[in-house]
Amino acid sequence: MLYIIQNTITMKGIFSTENLAVSCILLERERERERERERERERER
C-alpha cells in the first residue's frame, strides 16, 4: 500500500502543472524553430 502511495506522489510530480507548462513552452519553441527552418528553405528556392 505504501508503495502505491509513493508511486502516485511520483506520478503527480511528473505530471505536475508546472512541468506541463514548461513542456508546452518547449514544444512551442520547437515548433517556432521548425517554422523558421521552413522559411529558410523557401528563401533558398
C-alpha atoms as a PDB file:
ATOM      1  CA  MET A   1       0.000   0.000   0.000  1.00  0.00           C
ATOM      2  CA  LEU A   2       2.775   2.428   0.930  1.00  0.00           C
ATOM      3  CA  TYR A   3       4.456   1.628  -2.400  1.00  0.00           C
ATOM      4  CA  ILE A   4       1.293   2.619  -4.301  1.00  0.00           C
ATOM      5  CA  ILE A   5       1.073   5.925  -2.401  1.00  0.00           C
ATOM      6  CA  GLN A   6       4.738   6.733  -3.112  1.00  0.00           C
ATOM      7  CA  ASN A   7       4.227   5.813  -6.759  1.00  0.00           C
ATOM      8  CA  THR A   8       1.206   8.125  -7.006  1.00  0.00           C
ATOM      9  CA  ILE A   9       3.176  11.013  -5.492  1.00  0.00           C
ATOM     10  CA  THR A  10       5.975  10.387  -8.007  1.00  0.00           C
ATOM     11  CA  MET A  11       3.492  10.350 -10.897  1.00  0.00           C
ATOM     12  CA  LYS A  12       1.924  13.592  -9.703  1.00  0.00           C
ATOM     13  CA  GLY A  13       5.417  15.087  -9.653  1.00  0.00           C
ATOM     14  CA  ILE A  14       5.993  14.033 -13.249  1.00  0.00           C
ATOM     15  CA  PHE A  15       2.624  15.349 -14.432  1.00  0.00           C
ATOM     16  CA  SER A  16       2.536  18.482 -12.302  1.00  0.00           C
ATOM     17  CA  THR A  17       1.113  21.640 -13.858  1.00  0.00           C
ATOM     18  CA  GLU A  18       4.499  23.370 -13.733  1.00  0.00           C
ATOM     19  CA  ASN A  19       6.133  20.565 -15.694  1.00  0.00           C
ATOM     20  CA  LEU A  20       3.280  20.544 -18.204  1.00  0.00           C
ATOM     21  CA  ALA A  21       3.568  24.311 -18.654  1.00  0.00           C
ATOM     22  CA  VAL A  22       7.315  24.027 -19.236  1.00  0.00           C
ATOM     23  CA  SER A  23       6.758  21.175 -21.699  1.00  0.00           C
ATOM     24  CA  CYS A  24       4.225  23.281 -23.603  1.00  0.00           C
ATOM     25  CA  ILE A  25       6.641  26.217 -23.777  1.00  0.00           C
ATOM     26  CA  LEU A  26       9.443  23.968 -25.029  1.00  0.00           C
ATOM     27  CA  LEU A  27       7.143  22.397 -27.633  1.00  0.00           C
ATOM     28  CA  GLU A  28       6.048  25.834 -28.795  1.00  0.00           C
ATOM     29  CA  ARG A  29       9.677  26.948 -29.158  1.00  0.00           C
ATOM     30  CA  GLU A  30      10.470  23.785 -31.123  1.00  0.00           C
ATOM     31  CA  ARG A  31       7.547  24.472 -33.482  1.00  0.00           C
ATOM     32  CA  GLU A  32       8.758  28.034 -33.919  1.00  0.00           C
ATOM     33  CA  ARG A  33      12.232  26.756 -34.870  1.00  0.00           C
ATOM     34  CA  GLU A  34      10.650  24.371 -37.382  1.00  0.00           C
ATOM     35  CA  ARG A  35       8.754  27.276 -38.976  1.00  0.00           C
ATOM     36  CA  GLU A  36      11.981  29.277 -39.181  1.00  0.00           C
ATOM     37  CA  ARG A  37      13.733  26.360 -40.899  1.00  0.00           C
ATOM     38  CA  GLU A  38      10.853  26.092 -43.372  1.00  0.00           C
ATOM     39  CA  ARG A  39      11.098  29.808 -44.170  1.00  0.00           C
ATOM     40  CA  GLU A  40      14.843  29.455 -44.723  1.00  0.00           C
ATOM     41  CA  ARG A  41      14.244  26.565 -47.131  1.00  0.00           C
ATOM     42  CA  GLU A  42      11.643  28.617 -49.008  1.00  0.00           C
ATOM     43  CA  ARG A  43      14.074  31.537 -49.371  1.00  0.00           C
ATOM     44  CA  GLU A  44      16.767  29.242 -50.756  1.00  0.00           C
ATOM     45  CA  ARG A  45      14.457  28.012 -53.539  1.00  0.00           C
END
